[in-house]
Amino acid sequence: MTLAYAYEIVENHYGDRKTKRSGQRLMRHIDEGLVILEHIGADEGTKAAYCLHPLVQENRDLEANWLWLALDVKDPLVLVLTMEYRNIANAFLSPMEEHKGYEDFRKIAISPLYQVNQMLVADKIQNRMDFLTYHKGIHPRSDWLDAYFEAWMKALEISDERYEQFTAGLPGRLAKDALRKSRSGGPP
């Protein structure tokens, strides 16, 4: 599976939808994650799996998309990475009502698959950036979310300095360049 095709799949899935709280396009998460993945040297299969992760992230998405993904995605590596990402990311979700009391951040497990951990780096850095930009101090569980993202940064061994390096060009020209290059089939 090519990165361009995986990107097209998620772009069709998201359309022009935006996040409820910040009003940002959902595709921004993918675009910026791809820039981070490029920065850390992720391969094309890892980037393709990152593009597909929203299609299996939640149970309802997995239920709706599993069959056509299994039939359409001819690359077993991409499918394995996508499903392992779901497994690891969903084992320690962001705080919601049903997760009250689940406050032991030391229980974050990372994957034995290096590529999945690269996907987690891209996902958690991009999510933390959005949190700090749009929600810190405003969200009803702001303190909890701040600690949640700090815990992920520690689990993924991302120092404050490294986080700043990843986010220095986001959002902006780098994300647009990565998108343009991924669509043309060239490396971002």
Protein backbone atom coordinates (compact mmCIF):
# COMPACT_ATOMS: atom_id res chain seq x y z
CA MET A 1 0.00 0.00 0.00
CA THR A 2 1.36 3.38 -0.92
CA LEU A 3 1.38 6.32 1.44
CA ALA A 4 -0.56 8.36 -1.13
CA TYR A 5 -3.34 5.76 -1.23
CA ALA A 6 -3.54 5.49 2.57
CA TYR A 7 -3.68 9.28 2.77
CA GLU A 8 -6.48 9.36 0.19
CA ILE A 9 -8.46 6.79 2.23
CA VAL A 10 -8.31 8.81 5.44
CA GLU A 11 -8.89 12.08 3.58
CA ASN A 12 -12.10 10.60 2.11
CA HIS A 13 -13.05 9.29 5.55
CA TYR A 14 -12.60 12.67 7.26
CA GLY A 15 -13.75 14.93 4.45
CA ASP A 16 -13.95 18.51 5.68
CA ARG A 17 -14.93 17.56 9.23
CA LYS A 18 -13.47 19.53 12.09
CA THR A 19 -12.81 18.86 15.76
CA LYS A 20 -15.60 19.84 18.13
CA ARG A 21 -13.55 21.86 20.59
CA SER A 22 -10.86 23.60 18.53
CA GLY A 23 -12.58 23.77 15.15
CA GLN A 24 -9.48 22.47 13.37
CA ARG A 25 -9.75 20.12 10.39
CA LEU A 26 -9.39 16.47 11.40
CA MET A 27 -6.85 16.00 8.58
CA ARG A 28 -4.51 18.36 10.37
CA HIS A 29 -3.72 15.55 12.81
CA ILE A 30 -2.65 13.33 9.92
CA ASP A 31 -0.72 16.07 8.11
CA GLU A 32 1.27 17.09 11.17
CA GLY A 33 1.80 13.51 12.25
CA LEU A 34 3.31 12.76 8.85
CA VAL A 35 5.74 15.65 9.28
CA ILE A 36 6.83 14.24 12.64
CA LEU A 37 7.16 10.74 11.19
CA GLU A 38 9.33 12.11 8.40
CA HIS A 39 11.46 13.93 10.96
CA ILE A 40 12.16 10.70 12.85
CA GLY A 41 12.84 8.68 9.71
CA ALA A 42 9.73 6.47 9.63
CA ASP A 43 9.32 4.27 6.58
CA GLU A 44 6.43 4.48 4.11
CA GLY A 45 4.56 1.53 5.65
CA THR A 46 4.60 3.19 9.07
CA LYS A 47 3.32 6.43 7.57
CA ALA A 48 0.57 4.57 5.70
CA ALA A 49 -0.46 2.79 8.93
CA TYR A 50 -0.52 6.15 10.73
CA CYS A 51 -2.86 7.48 8.04
CA LEU A 52 -5.20 4.53 8.54
CA HIS A 53 -5.27 4.52 12.35
CA PRO A 54 -8.39 6.72 12.69
CA LEU A 55 -10.36 4.12 10.73
CA VAL A 56 -9.87 1.53 13.48
CA GLN A 57 -9.20 3.65 16.57
CA GLU A 58 -12.63 3.48 18.19
CA ASN A 59 -14.69 0.31 18.42
CA ARG A 60 -17.42 1.72 16.18
CA ASP A 61 -14.81 2.64 13.54
CA LEU A 62 -13.25 -0.82 13.67
CA GLU A 63 -16.67 -2.42 13.35
CA ALA A 64 -17.55 -0.22 10.36
CA ASN A 65 -14.23 -0.50 8.52
CA TRP A 66 -12.50 -3.80 9.29
CA LEU A 67 -13.79 -5.84 6.39
CA TRP A 68 -13.12 -3.42 3.56
CA LEU A 69 -9.73 -2.54 5.07
CA ALA A 70 -8.84 -6.24 5.21
CA LEU A 71 -9.85 -6.63 1.57
CA ASP A 72 -8.46 -3.33 0.26
CA VAL A 73 -5.17 -3.00 2.13
CA LYS A 74 -3.00 -5.58 0.43
CA ASP A 75 0.00 -4.91 2.67
CA PRO A 76 -0.11 -7.12 5.80
CA LEU A 77 2.61 -5.03 7.47
CA VAL A 78 0.45 -1.91 7.26
CA LEU A 79 -2.54 -3.78 8.71
CA VAL A 80 -0.47 -5.23 11.56
CA LEU A 81 0.98 -1.81 12.43
CA THR A 82 -2.46 -0.19 12.30
CA MET A 83 -4.00 -2.80 14.61
CA GLU A 84 -1.06 -2.84 17.02
CA TYR A 85 -1.27 0.95 17.20
CA ARG A 86 -4.94 0.61 18.13
CA ASN A 87 -4.05 -1.94 20.80
CA ILE A 88 -1.39 0.19 22.47
CA ALA A 89 -3.10 3.58 22.14
CA ASN A 90 -6.43 2.28 23.43
CA ALA A 91 -4.80 0.62 26.45
CA PHE A 92 -4.31 4.07 27.96
CA LEU A 93 -6.90 6.49 26.62
CA SER A 94 -7.32 10.16 27.30
CA PRO A 95 -9.53 10.85 30.31
CA MET A 96 -13.24 10.54 29.87
CA GLU A 97 -15.99 9.91 32.38
CA GLU A 98 -15.66 6.13 32.09
CA HIS A 99 -11.96 6.34 32.99
CA LYS A 100 -12.36 8.00 36.40
CA GLY A 101 -9.90 6.60 38.86
CA TYR A 102 -7.48 5.43 36.18
CA GLU A 103 -4.72 7.77 37.22
CA ASP A 104 -1.62 5.59 37.41
CA PHE A 105 0.31 6.98 34.46
CA ARG A 106 3.12 4.51 35.04
CA LYS A 107 0.94 1.83 33.45
CA ILE A 108 1.53 3.17 29.94
CA ALA A 109 2.93 0.34 27.86
CA ILE A 110 4.75 0.94 24.64
CA SER A 111 4.77 -1.51 21.76
CA PRO A 112 7.45 -4.09 21.08
CA LEU A 113 7.23 -2.87 17.46
CA TYR A 114 9.48 0.12 16.79
CA GLN A 115 7.24 1.41 14.00
CA VAL A 116 4.19 1.52 16.28
CA ASN A 117 6.16 3.55 18.79
CA GLN A 118 7.05 5.96 16.00
CA MET A 119 3.33 6.29 15.27
CA LEU A 120 2.69 6.94 18.97
CA VAL A 121 5.36 9.65 18.99
CA ALA A 122 3.65 11.41 16.08
CA ASP A 123 0.18 10.99 17.56
CA LYS A 124 0.96 12.07 21.12
CA ILE A 125 3.13 15.02 20.12
CA GLN A 126 0.45 16.31 17.76
CA ASN A 127 -2.32 15.74 20.33
CA ARG A 128 -0.30 17.43 23.08
CA MET A 129 0.40 20.39 20.82
CA ASP A 130 -3.34 20.82 20.21
CA PHE A 131 -4.05 20.48 23.92
CA LEU A 132 -1.49 23.16 24.83
CA THR A 133 -2.73 25.46 22.05
CA TYR A 134 -6.50 25.12 22.49
CA HIS A 135 -7.39 23.49 25.79
CA LYS A 136 -4.84 23.99 28.59
CA GLY A 137 -6.44 25.93 31.43
CA ILE A 138 -9.82 25.90 29.67
CA HIS A 139 -10.78 22.23 29.44
CA PRO A 140 -12.68 20.96 32.53
CA ARG A 141 -10.01 18.28 33.06
CA SER A 142 -7.06 20.41 31.98
CA ASP A 143 -4.79 19.37 34.86
CA TRP A 144 -5.49 15.68 34.23
CA LEU A 145 -4.88 16.03 30.50
CA ASP A 146 -1.65 17.91 31.13
CA ALA A 147 -0.43 15.06 33.36
CA TYR A 148 -1.68 12.51 30.81
CA PHE A 149 0.41 14.02 27.99
CA GLU A 150 3.42 14.42 30.28
CA ALA A 151 3.15 10.71 31.09
CA TRP A 152 3.08 9.80 27.40
CA MET A 153 6.12 12.03 26.77
CA LYS A 154 7.99 10.17 29.51
CA ALA A 155 6.89 6.74 28.28
CA LEU A 156 8.04 7.61 24.75
CA GLU A 157 11.23 9.27 26.04
CA ILE A 158 10.44 12.67 24.54
CA SER A 159 12.19 15.43 26.45
CA ASP A 160 10.85 18.99 26.46
CA GLU A 161 13.69 19.95 24.12
CA ARG A 162 12.83 17.17 21.68
CA TYR A 163 9.13 18.08 21.84
CA GLU A 164 10.03 21.67 20.91
CA GLN A 165 12.11 20.44 17.98
CA PHE A 166 9.20 18.37 16.68
CA THR A 167 6.64 21.15 16.96
CA ALA A 168 8.74 24.13 15.84
CA GLY A 169 7.39 24.02 12.26
CA LEU A 170 3.87 22.85 13.08
CA PRO A 171 1.38 23.86 11.91
CA GLY A 172 2.63 25.58 8.84
CA ARG A 173 4.71 25.17 5.75
CA LEU A 174 6.23 21.81 6.76
CA ALA A 175 2.83 20.14 7.01
CA LYS A 176 1.80 21.49 3.62
CA ASP A 177 5.11 20.39 2.08
CA ALA A 178 4.77 16.89 3.51
CA LEU A 179 1.24 16.59 2.16
CA ARG A 180 2.23 17.81 -1.30
CA LYS A 181 5.20 15.47 -1.49
CA SER A 182 3.29 12.46 -0.17
CA ARG A 183 0.64 12.99 -2.82
CA SER A 184 3.24 13.16 -5.54
CA GLY A 185 4.75 9.89 -4.35
CA GLY A 186 8.01 11.52 -3.31
CA PRO A 187 9.40 11.50 0.19
CA PRO A 188 8.04 14.31 2.38
